[in-house]
């Protein structure tokens, strides 16, 4: 799959191939992480468009039921007509999970209004709102429209409505596979439109790892206020306890233990090996570098690693000693060898050299791509393919060290 970006975030132009191991290197603030967010958002939009369509339908219906309640409260005495209060107390305005359960409520509401009697003007307004709810319930959307609406909501959440380059109000995202265009997305003046050419996306699912600290604060996130990739990752990690203990990545040998999700306590724990008796550490007492490996260990046990997954990892080296950066790179290459597609963003020469070395060792050269992100002006960056010139990446990343050595 090829991802083509124009004026997305700080990125002026980029064309990225995602077909195995994709590495984007570069300094901070050059748009590296933006590529991962876009790739995740596109995959999520295709994966969850039915769910997102249902959620949006529920949100609109909730607002309409609140309108009816407010209208009744202003114009009807609940003391004189207690059936109205009982009816609205049955409705959890924020608890609908399935629009199919709403039809009986509409029927009951209409029957109560007819039986109790409501003055004509109020009755007409309520009837109009019920009619609108029924229209929403019976409205059929085209699949392409559902995908576009899903993508709009997810991008809005992931980028907080700031997806375009500050120097341009027009942006473009294109996905191609071979000679075929999958989707073409245009962003103009903050409004997203898209031409969906194919309803089947190259990836079935995507996981975006932004920080290992998600394990420490897993029970303190409020999903209504968080981005999709955080909610998705936590749900996957928490289901890891229901799967088997089989481990092929040998991560427990690297970190000398295993991570578990304690369902009763709603938090993660780390069980250390090698003591006379099992030693369980609270997750907040576990080093961030160990948590980095723990995320991959939990994901392996969750059953999510499959050949149609895109795994996006943002700067994992931040919490890893160079020795463990090398071990982490080995694990990633092993995943790619098993068919998983990985997009990793890094500014560590240790991580990038290790990924380069082990991908060659495992015969994955034709499935490995290296890119360099660089600033080309204020608020603008471009990302270029450096697969055939990886040395240029090391040269760029080694400049700070050379400066320290040779600076007088």
Protein backbone atom coordinates (compact mmCIF):
# COMPACT_ATOMS: atom_id res chain seq x y z
CA UNK A 1 0.00 0.00 0.00
CA UNK A 2 1.21 3.51 -0.82
CA UNK A 3 0.18 6.48 1.31
CA UNK A 4 0.53 9.87 -0.43
CA UNK A 5 0.29 13.06 1.62
CA UNK A 6 0.19 16.70 0.60
CA UNK A 7 0.01 19.59 3.11
CA UNK A 8 -0.98 17.27 5.96
CA UNK A 9 0.19 18.71 9.26
CA UNK A 10 3.72 19.95 8.73
CA UNK A 11 4.22 17.59 5.79
CA UNK A 12 4.36 19.35 2.44
CA UNK A 13 4.79 16.13 0.49
CA UNK A 14 5.39 12.45 1.17
CA UNK A 15 4.82 9.09 -0.48
CA UNK A 16 5.21 6.18 1.93
CA UNK A 17 5.11 2.47 1.10
CA UNK A 18 3.65 0.21 3.79
CA UNK A 19 4.45 -3.34 2.78
CA UNK A 20 6.45 -4.86 5.62
CA UNK A 21 8.82 -2.78 7.72
CA UNK A 22 8.61 0.97 7.11
CA UNK A 23 10.98 3.23 9.04
CA UNK A 24 10.67 7.03 9.08
CA UNK A 25 13.68 8.80 10.57
CA UNK A 26 14.36 12.46 11.22
CA UNK A 27 14.60 15.21 13.77
CA UNK A 28 11.76 16.30 16.02
CA UNK A 29 8.98 18.34 14.45
CA UNK A 30 9.41 17.01 10.90
CA UNK A 31 6.04 15.27 10.56
CA UNK A 32 7.12 11.70 11.27
CA UNK A 33 4.34 10.98 13.76
CA UNK A 34 1.76 12.55 11.45
CA UNK A 35 2.21 9.70 8.96
CA UNK A 36 1.38 7.15 11.66
CA UNK A 37 -1.72 9.06 12.73
CA UNK A 38 -3.00 9.26 9.15
CA UNK A 39 -2.33 5.57 8.46
CA UNK A 40 -4.10 4.60 11.69
CA UNK A 41 -7.07 6.93 11.00
CA UNK A 42 -7.64 5.54 7.51
CA UNK A 43 -7.51 1.93 8.66
CA UNK A 44 -9.77 2.64 11.62
CA UNK A 45 -12.30 4.46 9.42
CA UNK A 46 -12.67 1.43 7.15
CA UNK A 47 -12.62 -1.03 10.05
CA UNK A 48 -15.27 0.73 12.13
CA UNK A 49 -17.55 2.60 9.72
CA UNK A 50 -20.61 0.55 10.68
CA UNK A 51 -19.97 1.07 14.39
CA UNK A 52 -19.25 4.77 13.88
CA UNK A 53 -22.44 5.19 11.83
CA UNK A 54 -24.48 3.59 14.61
CA UNK A 55 -22.79 5.73 17.28
CA UNK A 56 -23.53 8.91 15.35
CA UNK A 57 -27.14 7.84 14.88
CA UNK A 58 -27.44 7.26 18.64
CA UNK A 59 -25.87 10.65 19.44
CA UNK A 60 -28.42 12.49 17.28
CA UNK A 61 -31.35 10.52 18.72
CA UNK A 62 -30.17 11.24 22.27
CA UNK A 63 -30.26 14.96 21.51
CA UNK A 64 -33.80 14.66 20.12
CA UNK A 65 -35.04 12.81 23.23
CA UNK A 66 -33.53 15.55 25.38
CA UNK A 67 -35.39 18.13 23.27
CA UNK A 68 -38.67 16.28 23.89
CA UNK A 69 -37.97 16.09 27.62
CA UNK A 70 -37.12 19.80 27.83
CA UNK A 71 -40.25 20.70 25.85
CA UNK A 72 -42.47 18.58 28.11
CA UNK A 73 -40.89 19.97 31.27
CA UNK A 74 -41.64 23.52 30.15
CA UNK A 75 -45.24 22.89 29.11
CA UNK A 76 -46.59 19.97 31.16
CA UNK A 77 -46.97 19.48 34.92
CA UNK A 78 -45.25 16.22 35.85
CA UNK A 79 -47.15 16.25 39.15
CA UNK A 80 -50.53 16.29 37.36
CA UNK A 81 -49.34 13.88 34.67
CA UNK A 82 -46.92 11.44 36.41
CA UNK A 83 -46.88 9.07 33.42
CA UNK A 84 -44.66 11.56 31.59
CA UNK A 85 -42.11 11.63 34.39
CA UNK A 86 -42.09 7.82 34.61
CA UNK A 87 -41.59 7.58 30.85
CA UNK A 88 -38.63 9.94 30.78
CA UNK A 89 -37.07 8.36 33.85
CA UNK A 90 -36.93 5.13 31.84
CA UNK A 91 -34.78 6.82 29.24
CA UNK A 92 -31.06 6.94 29.85
CA UNK A 93 -30.18 9.83 27.56
CA UNK A 94 -26.55 8.74 27.38
CA UNK A 95 -27.03 4.99 27.64
CA UNK A 96 -28.46 3.91 24.29
CA UNK A 97 -26.24 1.25 22.80
CA UNK A 98 -28.44 0.05 19.95
CA UNK A 99 -30.86 2.09 17.86
CA UNK A 100 -33.07 -1.01 17.47
CA UNK A 101 -34.13 -0.57 21.12
CA UNK A 102 -35.50 2.90 20.45
CA UNK A 103 -38.62 1.97 18.44
CA UNK A 104 -40.51 0.66 21.51
CA UNK A 105 -39.73 3.93 23.33
CA UNK A 106 -41.13 6.00 20.46
CA UNK A 107 -44.30 3.90 20.44
CA UNK A 108 -44.72 4.22 24.23
CA UNK A 109 -44.08 7.96 24.15
CA UNK A 110 -46.72 8.54 21.47
CA UNK A 111 -49.25 6.42 23.37
CA UNK A 112 -48.72 8.39 26.60
CA UNK A 113 -49.09 11.72 24.81
CA UNK A 114 -52.31 10.53 23.16
CA UNK A 115 -53.73 9.19 26.44
CA UNK A 116 -52.75 12.09 28.70
CA UNK A 117 -53.60 14.87 26.31
CA UNK A 118 -51.23 17.71 25.56
CA UNK A 119 -52.08 21.15 24.27
CA UNK A 120 -52.00 21.29 20.47
CA UNK A 121 -48.84 23.38 19.89
CA UNK A 122 -46.70 21.28 22.23
CA UNK A 123 -48.17 18.05 20.85
CA UNK A 124 -47.28 19.11 17.29
CA UNK A 125 -43.69 19.94 18.23
CA UNK A 126 -43.25 16.61 20.01
CA UNK A 127 -44.77 14.70 17.10
CA UNK A 128 -42.38 16.46 14.71
CA UNK A 129 -39.40 15.41 16.83
CA UNK A 130 -40.59 11.79 17.00
CA UNK A 131 -40.97 11.85 13.21
CA UNK A 132 -37.37 13.06 12.87
CA UNK A 133 -36.17 10.24 15.12
CA UNK A 134 -38.01 7.67 13.03
CA UNK A 135 -36.50 9.11 9.84
CA UNK A 136 -33.02 8.68 11.32
CA UNK A 137 -33.80 5.12 12.37
CA UNK A 138 -34.95 4.11 8.91
CA UNK A 139 -32.43 6.07 6.89
CA UNK A 140 -30.03 3.93 4.87
CA UNK A 141 -26.56 5.32 4.15
CA UNK A 142 -24.31 4.24 1.31
CA UNK A 143 -21.20 2.36 2.46
CA UNK A 144 -18.94 5.01 0.94
CA UNK A 145 -20.77 7.74 2.88
CA UNK A 146 -20.35 5.77 6.10
CA UNK A 147 -16.61 5.44 5.42
CA UNK A 148 -16.26 9.17 4.75
CA UNK A 149 -18.24 10.14 7.87
CA UNK A 150 -16.23 7.68 9.95
CA UNK A 151 -12.96 9.07 8.60
CA UNK A 152 -14.08 12.64 9.30
CA UNK A 153 -14.84 11.87 12.96
CA UNK A 154 -11.63 9.90 13.51
CA UNK A 155 -9.36 12.47 11.86
CA UNK A 156 -11.08 15.23 13.81
CA UNK A 157 -10.37 13.33 17.04
CA UNK A 158 -6.78 12.34 16.24
CA UNK A 159 -5.73 15.76 14.94
CA UNK A 160 -8.05 17.96 17.03
CA UNK A 161 -9.27 19.60 13.80
CA UNK A 162 -5.74 20.65 12.83
CA UNK A 163 -4.86 18.27 10.01
CA UNK A 164 -3.87 20.82 7.38
CA UNK A 165 -0.54 22.59 7.05
CA UNK A 166 -0.63 26.03 8.69
CA UNK A 167 0.67 27.55 5.45
CA UNK A 168 -2.13 26.01 3.36
CA UNK A 169 -5.84 25.42 3.95
CA UNK A 170 -6.00 22.69 1.29
CA UNK A 171 -4.61 19.21 1.81
CA UNK A 172 -4.77 15.76 0.22
CA UNK A 173 -4.47 12.14 1.33
CA UNK A 174 -4.38 9.35 -1.23
CA UNK A 175 -4.10 5.59 -0.79
CA UNK A 176 -3.05 3.38 -3.68
CA UNK A 177 -2.37 -0.32 -4.03
CA UNK A 178 -0.47 -1.18 -7.16
CA UNK A 179 -2.10 0.76 -10.00
CA UNK A 180 -5.39 1.11 -8.17
CA UNK A 181 -6.61 4.02 -6.09
CA UNK A 182 -8.35 2.99 -2.85
CA UNK A 183 -9.44 6.40 -1.55
CA UNK A 184 -8.72 10.04 -2.33
CA UNK A 185 -9.31 12.47 0.54
CA UNK A 186 -9.43 16.24 0.15
CA UNK A 187 -9.35 18.72 3.02
CA UNK A 188 -10.43 22.24 2.14
CA UNK A 189 -10.94 25.01 4.69
CA UNK A 190 -11.26 22.37 7.42
CA UNK A 191 -13.93 20.39 5.57
CA UNK A 192 -13.19 16.78 4.58
CA UNK A 193 -14.49 15.16 1.41
CA UNK A 194 -13.45 11.88 -0.15
CA UNK A 195 -13.83 9.73 -3.22
CA UNK A 196 -14.02 6.10 -2.07
CA UNK A 197 -12.86 3.96 -4.99
CA UNK A 198 -12.68 0.67 -3.10
CA UNK A 199 -14.63 -0.39 -0.02
CA UNK A 200 -11.99 -2.91 1.08
CA UNK A 201 -8.92 -1.36 2.71
CA UNK A 202 -5.46 -3.01 2.49
CA UNK A 203 -5.40 -3.51 6.30
CA UNK A 204 -8.18 -4.96 8.44
CA UNK A 205 -7.02 -3.25 11.62
CA UNK A 206 -4.39 -0.93 13.04
CA UNK A 207 -2.77 -0.44 16.43
CA UNK A 208 -1.00 2.82 17.26
CA UNK A 209 1.48 2.75 20.17
CA UNK A 210 2.32 6.28 21.23
CA UNK A 211 3.74 5.75 24.73
CA UNK A 212 4.29 2.87 27.17
CA UNK A 213 2.92 5.08 29.95
CA UNK A 214 -0.57 4.09 28.81
CA UNK A 215 -0.11 1.00 31.01
CA UNK A 216 0.36 3.15 34.13
CA UNK A 217 -2.80 5.17 33.71
CA UNK A 218 -5.08 2.62 32.05
CA UNK A 219 -7.97 3.12 34.48
CA UNK A 220 -7.85 6.93 34.51
CA UNK A 221 -8.63 7.66 30.83
CA UNK A 222 -12.05 9.04 29.97
CA UNK A 223 -12.75 7.75 26.49
CA UNK A 224 -15.17 10.52 25.60
CA UNK A 225 -12.27 12.96 25.83
CA UNK A 226 -9.49 10.78 24.44
CA UNK A 227 -8.44 9.91 20.92
CA UNK A 228 -9.42 6.68 19.23
CA UNK A 229 -5.98 5.07 19.26
CA UNK A 230 -5.77 5.25 23.06
CA UNK A 231 -9.18 3.67 23.56
CA UNK A 232 -8.48 0.98 20.96
CA UNK A 233 -5.11 0.04 22.44
CA UNK A 234 -6.41 -0.20 26.01
CA UNK A 235 -9.33 -2.40 25.00
CA UNK A 236 -6.96 -4.77 23.20
CA UNK A 237 -4.44 -4.87 26.05
CA UNK A 238 -7.14 -5.56 28.63
CA UNK A 239 -8.48 -8.54 26.71
CA UNK A 240 -5.04 -10.19 26.71
CA UNK A 241 -5.86 -12.04 29.94
CA UNK A 242 -8.45 -14.24 28.20
CA UNK A 243 -5.98 -15.71 25.71
CA UNK A 244 -3.34 -18.38 26.18
CA UNK A 245 0.14 -17.94 27.60
CA UNK A 246 1.93 -19.00 24.40
CA UNK A 247 4.81 -16.64 23.63
CA UNK A 248 6.85 -16.84 20.44
CA UNK A 249 8.63 -13.48 20.70
CA UNK A 250 10.59 -14.53 23.85
CA UNK A 251 10.05 -11.11 25.40
CA UNK A 252 9.85 -12.60 28.90
CA UNK A 253 13.52 -13.62 28.53
CA UNK A 254 14.51 -10.03 27.73
CA UNK A 255 12.62 -8.36 30.57
CA UNK A 256 12.77 -11.34 32.98
CA UNK A 257 9.04 -11.52 33.52
CA UNK A 258 5.51 -11.22 32.17
CA UNK A 259 2.84 -8.57 32.13
CA UNK A 260 -0.75 -9.36 33.08
CA UNK A 261 -4.01 -7.49 33.26
CA UNK A 262 -5.69 -7.83 36.65
CA UNK A 263 -9.38 -7.65 35.76
CA UNK A 264 -10.50 -7.42 39.37
CA UNK A 265 -8.23 -4.44 40.14
CA UNK A 266 -8.57 -2.97 36.62
CA UNK A 267 -4.84 -2.45 36.22
CA UNK A 268 -1.73 -4.09 34.80
CA UNK A 269 0.90 -5.98 36.80
CA UNK A 270 4.39 -7.27 36.12
CA UNK A 271 5.35 -10.70 37.44
CA UNK A 272 9.11 -11.04 37.82
CA UNK A 273 10.84 -14.39 37.28
CA UNK A 274 13.75 -15.84 39.20
CA UNK A 275 12.71 -15.32 42.82
CA UNK A 276 11.89 -17.96 45.45
CA UNK A 277 8.26 -16.95 45.19
CA UNK A 278 6.32 -15.00 42.53
CA UNK A 279 6.89 -11.27 42.79
CA UNK A 280 4.17 -9.04 41.38
CA UNK A 281 4.98 -5.39 40.83
CA UNK A 282 2.35 -2.69 40.54
CA UNK A 283 2.60 -1.23 37.05
CA UNK A 284 3.59 2.19 38.39
CA UNK A 285 6.73 0.65 39.90
CA UNK A 286 7.88 -0.83 36.59
CA UNK A 287 10.49 0.96 34.45
CA UNK A 288 9.21 2.60 31.26
CA UNK A 289 11.64 0.60 29.13
CA UNK A 290 10.22 -2.67 30.46
CA UNK A 291 6.72 -1.36 29.74
CA UNK A 292 7.77 -0.82 26.12
CA UNK A 293 8.39 -4.55 25.77
CA UNK A 294 5.36 -5.29 27.91
CA UNK A 295 3.07 -3.65 25.36
CA UNK A 296 4.28 -6.04 22.66
CA UNK A 297 4.03 -8.99 25.04
CA UNK A 298 0.41 -8.16 25.91
CA UNK A 299 -0.46 -7.57 22.26
CA UNK A 300 0.95 -10.97 21.32
CA UNK A 301 -1.20 -12.65 23.98
CA UNK A 302 -4.28 -10.68 22.92
CA UNK A 303 -4.39 -12.52 19.60
CA UNK A 304 -4.27 -9.26 17.60
CA UNK A 305 -1.04 -9.97 15.72
CA UNK A 306 -2.10 -11.10 12.26
CA UNK A 307 -1.07 -10.56 8.65
CA UNK A 308 -3.74 -7.93 8.03
CA UNK A 309 -2.63 -5.71 10.92
CA UNK A 310 -0.77 -2.40 10.60
CA UNK A 311 1.24 -1.77 13.77
CA UNK A 312 2.31 1.86 14.20
CA UNK A 313 4.97 2.60 16.84
CA UNK A 314 6.02 6.15 17.67
CA UNK A 315 9.62 6.65 18.83
CA UNK A 316 9.96 3.55 21.07
CA UNK A 317 13.63 4.35 21.76
CA UNK A 318 12.68 7.24 24.05
CA UNK A 319 12.59 4.89 27.07
CA UNK A 320 15.16 2.32 25.93
CA UNK A 321 18.90 1.99 26.56
CA UNK A 322 20.82 1.31 23.29
CA UNK A 323 21.22 -2.37 24.28
CA UNK A 324 17.46 -2.74 24.54
CA UNK A 325 16.87 -0.71 21.40
CA UNK A 326 18.72 -3.46 19.57
CA UNK A 327 16.62 -6.15 21.28
CA UNK A 328 13.44 -4.24 20.47
CA UNK A 329 14.46 -4.02 16.82
CA UNK A 330 14.98 -7.80 16.76
CA UNK A 331 11.42 -8.31 18.02
CA UNK A 332 9.98 -5.98 15.39
CA UNK A 333 11.85 -7.70 12.57
CA UNK A 334 10.57 -11.04 13.87
CA UNK A 335 6.99 -9.71 13.65
CA UNK A 336 7.56 -8.50 10.09
CA UNK A 337 8.98 -11.91 9.17
CA UNK A 338 5.66 -13.39 10.37
CA UNK A 339 3.72 -11.13 8.02
CA UNK A 340 2.79 -8.16 10.22
CA UNK A 341 3.16 -4.71 8.64
CA UNK A 342 4.97 -2.22 10.87
CA UNK A 343 5.42 1.54 10.59
CA UNK A 344 8.00 2.80 13.06
CA UNK A 345 9.01 6.40 13.65
CA UNK A 346 12.46 6.97 15.13
CA UNK A 347 15.30 9.43 15.59
CA UNK A 348 17.73 6.94 17.11
CA UNK A 349 20.71 5.75 15.03
CA UNK A 350 20.90 2.64 17.23
CA UNK A 351 17.31 1.65 16.51
CA UNK A 352 17.56 2.39 12.79
CA UNK A 353 20.90 0.59 12.35
CA UNK A 354 19.52 -2.45 14.21
CA UNK A 355 16.36 -2.50 12.06
CA UNK A 356 18.51 -2.24 8.93
CA UNK A 357 20.90 -5.00 10.02
CA UNK A 358 18.28 -7.52 11.18
CA UNK A 359 15.95 -6.96 8.23
CA UNK A 360 18.87 -7.81 5.91
CA UNK A 361 19.82 -10.80 8.06
CA UNK A 362 16.26 -12.16 7.83
CA UNK A 363 16.07 -11.61 4.06
CA UNK A 364 13.48 -8.83 4.29
CA UNK A 365 15.23 -6.22 2.11
CA UNK A 366 12.40 -6.20 -0.43
CA UNK A 367 9.86 -5.57 2.35
CA UNK A 368 11.83 -2.84 4.17
CA UNK A 369 11.73 0.87 3.39
CA UNK A 370 13.64 3.74 5.01
CA UNK A 371 12.53 7.37 4.80
CA UNK A 372 14.02 10.65 6.00
CA UNK A 373 11.85 13.55 7.16
CA UNK A 374 13.44 17.01 6.89
CA UNK A 375 12.38 20.63 7.33
CA UNK A 376 12.33 22.66 4.11
CA UNK A 377 11.15 25.94 5.62
CA UNK A 378 9.12 27.38 8.43
CA UNK A 379 6.31 24.99 9.26
CA UNK A 380 7.01 22.70 6.29
CA UNK A 381 8.73 19.34 5.84
CA UNK A 382 9.15 16.70 3.18
CA UNK A 383 9.70 12.97 3.55
CA UNK A 384 11.98 11.25 1.03
CA UNK A 385 12.71 7.60 0.29
CA UNK A 386 16.26 6.76 1.42
CA UNK A 387 16.08 2.98 1.18
CA UNK A 388 19.03 2.95 -1.22
CA UNK A 389 20.93 5.57 0.76
CA UNK A 390 20.46 4.69 4.43
CA UNK A 391 23.87 6.19 5.18
CA UNK A 392 22.38 9.65 4.66
CA UNK A 393 20.01 8.98 7.54
CA UNK A 394 22.90 8.03 9.84
CA UNK A 395 24.84 11.08 8.71
CA UNK A 396 21.94 13.38 9.63
CA UNK A 397 21.32 11.73 13.00
CA UNK A 398 25.02 11.67 13.97
CA UNK A 399 25.55 15.42 13.51
CA UNK A 400 24.77 16.31 17.16
CA UNK A 401 27.39 13.80 18.34
CA UNK A 402 29.98 15.16 15.90
CA UNK A 403 29.19 18.66 17.09
CA UNK A 404 29.93 17.64 20.67
CA UNK A 405 33.20 15.95 19.70
CA UNK A 406 34.61 18.65 17.47
CA UNK A 407 33.13 21.78 18.97
CA UNK A 408 35.73 23.93 20.71
